[in-house]
Amino acid sequence: MHARIVLGVFAFVTFASGLWAAEKEVKVQASRAIKLAIVDADHRAPGRDAFHQTFADTLSFELSQRLNEMMPVKATLPGLDKTSWGLGNGIYDVALVVGSTVPRAMVGSDFQILKATPVSGQGKFFLYFVIRREDPDLAKLMGEVFPEALKGQFFLRALARQQGVELEDWRVALAAAK
């Protein structure tokens, strides 16, 4: 009986020390970065990666200026289904949809959608910025910085280069999506 107690205490101490050792190895990593999902059916077109990254960088710059601190934007191209699911579940904060329409899964009262169109009327190239409304402060901030990001010279150059037009011929108008 005494041997069983000693063996039981030994097993408990061994088990507890294993838990303690495992706890020392646990690392929690959090990111303050804004998570941007990009949906672009033509994402493999030449120059598209640079265009996406330029938008993320411009958005980061505008956020950083507004908040007076560095605010990185992490852009990914997860695909339509993963973007819709991730946006609805908070994995992504915002989404940029490049194309002529917003996917149906991203339309609803949970999201605010801003639409940017070329003023010149050339082509059917539209940008839709889909913002989660769950965090009203973040939604308001993103709604304010998106138009500013579209005015940035680096972004406008990347957009004009992507569309094959001169920068002077390209301007972007913003409207609420219907």
Protein backbone atom coordinates (compact mmCIF):
# COMPACT_ATOMS: atom_id res chain seq x y z
CA MET A 1 0.00 0.00 0.00
CA HIS A 2 2.80 2.38 0.93
CA ALA A 3 4.50 1.60 -2.41
CA ARG A 4 1.29 2.47 -4.27
CA ILE A 5 1.12 5.85 -2.54
CA VAL A 6 4.76 6.60 -3.31
CA LEU A 7 4.25 5.46 -6.90
CA GLY A 8 1.08 7.59 -7.16
CA VAL A 9 2.87 10.67 -5.78
CA PHE A 10 5.79 10.04 -8.15
CA ALA A 11 3.40 9.76 -11.13
CA PHE A 12 1.60 12.97 -10.12
CA VAL A 13 4.86 14.90 -9.70
CA THR A 14 6.13 13.60 -13.03
CA PHE A 15 2.83 14.53 -14.72
CA ALA A 16 2.74 17.99 -13.10
CA SER A 17 6.36 18.71 -14.00
CA GLY A 18 5.56 17.73 -17.59
CA LEU A 19 2.70 20.21 -17.64
CA TRP A 20 4.90 22.90 -16.13
CA ALA A 21 7.59 22.27 -18.74
CA ALA A 22 5.00 22.38 -21.52
CA GLU A 23 3.63 25.67 -20.19
CA LYS A 24 7.06 27.25 -20.38
CA GLU A 25 7.17 26.46 -24.09
CA VAL A 26 3.83 28.02 -24.98
CA LYS A 27 4.19 31.27 -26.90
CA VAL A 28 1.35 33.59 -27.70
CA GLN A 29 1.85 35.74 -30.74
CA ALA A 30 -0.56 38.50 -31.62
CA SER A 31 -0.47 40.82 -34.56
CA ARG A 32 -1.73 44.37 -34.69
CA ALA A 33 -1.73 44.18 -38.46
CA ILE A 34 -4.93 44.79 -40.36
CA LYS A 35 -5.77 41.58 -42.20
CA LEU A 36 -6.74 42.33 -45.79
CA ALA A 37 -8.10 39.60 -48.06
CA ILE A 38 -7.95 40.27 -51.78
CA VAL A 39 -10.35 38.66 -54.25
CA ASP A 40 -9.15 39.10 -57.81
CA ALA A 41 -10.25 36.71 -60.55
CA ASP A 42 -7.41 37.98 -62.72
CA HIS A 43 -4.77 37.82 -59.96
CA ARG A 44 -2.26 36.03 -62.21
CA ALA A 45 -2.11 38.88 -64.74
CA PRO A 46 1.34 40.48 -65.02
CA GLY A 47 1.81 43.21 -62.45
CA ARG A 48 -1.18 42.20 -60.36
CA ASP A 49 0.90 41.16 -57.32
CA ALA A 50 2.60 44.56 -57.34
CA PHE A 51 -0.78 46.25 -57.63
CA HIS A 52 -2.14 44.31 -54.63
CA GLN A 53 0.94 45.04 -52.54
CA THR A 54 0.85 48.73 -53.47
CA PHE A 55 -2.75 48.95 -52.28
CA ALA A 56 -1.84 47.25 -48.98
CA ASP A 57 1.15 49.56 -48.52
CA THR A 58 -0.91 52.67 -49.33
CA LEU A 59 -3.66 51.59 -46.94
CA SER A 60 -1.02 50.97 -44.26
CA PHE A 61 0.45 54.43 -44.85
CA GLU A 62 -2.94 56.14 -44.56
CA LEU A 63 -3.82 54.21 -41.41
CA SER A 64 -0.44 55.03 -39.88
CA GLN A 65 -0.86 58.73 -40.68
CA ARG A 66 -4.33 58.80 -39.17
CA LEU A 67 -3.34 56.91 -35.99
CA ASN A 68 0.12 58.48 -35.54
CA GLU A 69 1.68 55.03 -35.20
CA MET A 70 2.80 52.29 -37.54
CA MET A 71 -0.17 50.18 -38.67
CA PRO A 72 0.84 47.34 -40.97
CA VAL A 73 -1.60 45.78 -43.42
CA LYS A 74 -1.11 42.10 -44.18
CA ALA A 75 -2.56 41.24 -47.58
CA THR A 76 -3.40 37.71 -48.73
CA LEU A 77 -5.23 36.17 -51.67
CA PRO A 78 -7.10 33.31 -50.03
CA GLY A 79 -9.68 32.77 -52.77
CA LEU A 80 -13.37 33.67 -52.83
CA ASP A 81 -14.74 30.98 -50.50
CA LYS A 82 -12.06 31.43 -47.84
CA THR A 83 -12.36 35.21 -48.04
CA SER A 84 -16.13 35.16 -47.61
CA TRP A 85 -15.94 32.74 -44.70
CA GLY A 86 -12.95 34.51 -43.09
CA LEU A 87 -14.49 37.95 -43.42
CA GLY A 88 -17.69 36.76 -41.79
CA ASN A 89 -15.80 35.07 -38.95
CA GLY A 90 -13.32 37.83 -38.22
CA ILE A 91 -10.23 36.19 -39.69
CA TYR A 92 -9.98 39.14 -42.08
CA ASP A 93 -10.77 42.74 -41.14
CA VAL A 94 -11.45 43.97 -44.67
CA ALA A 95 -11.48 42.69 -48.23
CA LEU A 96 -10.61 44.26 -51.54
CA VAL A 97 -12.58 42.83 -54.45
CA VAL A 98 -11.12 43.60 -57.86
CA GLY A 99 -13.69 43.05 -60.57
CA SER A 100 -17.11 43.97 -61.81
CA THR A 101 -19.22 42.68 -58.89
CA VAL A 102 -19.06 41.82 -55.21
CA PRO A 103 -19.59 38.13 -54.54
CA ARG A 104 -23.03 37.46 -53.06
CA ALA A 105 -21.51 35.93 -49.91
CA MET A 106 -20.02 39.33 -49.03
CA VAL A 107 -23.24 41.28 -49.40
CA GLY A 108 -25.30 41.74 -46.27
CA SER A 109 -25.97 43.87 -43.25
CA ASP A 110 -22.76 42.64 -41.59
CA PHE A 111 -20.67 44.48 -44.18
CA GLN A 112 -20.23 47.98 -45.53
CA ILE A 113 -19.21 48.06 -49.18
CA LEU A 114 -17.50 51.00 -50.86
CA LYS A 115 -17.12 51.03 -54.64
CA ALA A 116 -14.38 52.79 -56.57
CA THR A 117 -14.81 53.32 -60.30
CA PRO A 118 -12.64 54.99 -62.95
CA VAL A 119 -13.80 58.52 -63.70
CA SER A 120 -12.58 58.18 -67.27
CA GLY A 121 -15.15 55.44 -67.86
CA GLN A 122 -12.51 53.22 -69.43
CA GLY A 123 -13.08 49.52 -69.02
CA LYS A 124 -15.04 47.66 -66.41
CA PHE A 125 -12.44 47.77 -63.69
CA PHE A 126 -13.94 48.31 -60.25
CA LEU A 127 -12.62 48.08 -56.73
CA TYR A 128 -14.93 47.11 -53.90
CA PHE A 129 -13.78 47.58 -50.33
CA VAL A 130 -15.73 45.31 -48.00
CA ILE A 131 -15.57 46.32 -44.33
CA ARG A 132 -16.79 44.23 -41.40
CA ARG A 133 -19.24 46.22 -39.27
CA GLU A 134 -18.73 44.16 -36.12
CA ASP A 135 -16.23 46.69 -34.72
CA PRO A 136 -17.84 50.11 -35.37
CA ASP A 137 -14.65 52.07 -34.64
CA LEU A 138 -12.59 49.99 -37.05
CA ALA A 139 -15.35 50.15 -39.67
CA LYS A 140 -15.49 53.94 -39.39
CA LEU A 141 -11.70 54.24 -39.61
CA MET A 142 -11.49 51.96 -42.65
CA GLY A 143 -14.30 53.86 -44.36
CA GLU A 144 -12.33 57.08 -43.85
CA VAL A 145 -8.92 55.84 -45.01
CA PHE A 146 -10.03 53.89 -48.10
CA PRO A 147 -10.80 57.04 -50.15
CA GLU A 148 -7.48 58.55 -49.05
CA ALA A 149 -5.60 55.42 -50.08
CA LEU A 150 -7.15 55.69 -53.55
CA LYS A 151 -5.75 59.21 -53.94
CA GLY A 152 -2.16 58.19 -53.18
CA GLN A 153 0.25 58.70 -56.07
CA PHE A 154 1.90 55.30 -55.65
CA PHE A 155 -1.47 53.59 -55.79
CA LEU A 156 -2.68 55.64 -58.77
CA ARG A 157 0.55 54.87 -60.66
CA ALA A 158 0.19 51.15 -59.95
CA LEU A 159 -3.46 51.24 -61.02
CA ALA A 160 -2.74 53.18 -64.22
CA ARG A 161 0.16 50.84 -65.03
CA GLN A 162 -2.11 47.83 -64.44
CA GLN A 163 -4.76 49.25 -66.77
CA GLY A 164 -2.28 50.40 -69.41
CA VAL A 165 -3.34 54.05 -69.31
CA GLU A 166 -1.58 57.29 -68.53
CA LEU A 167 -1.78 58.47 -64.94
CA GLU A 168 -3.36 61.76 -66.01
CA ASP A 169 -6.24 59.85 -67.62
CA TRP A 170 -7.01 57.87 -64.49
CA ARG A 171 -8.98 59.09 -61.51
CA VAL A 172 -11.10 57.13 -59.08
CA ALA A 173 -14.57 58.08 -57.85
CA LEU A 174 -15.98 56.56 -54.70
CA ALA A 175 -19.60 55.62 -54.05
CA ALA A 176 -21.52 53.31 -51.77
CA ALA A 177 -22.13 50.01 -53.52
CA LYS A 178 -25.73 49.07 -54.22
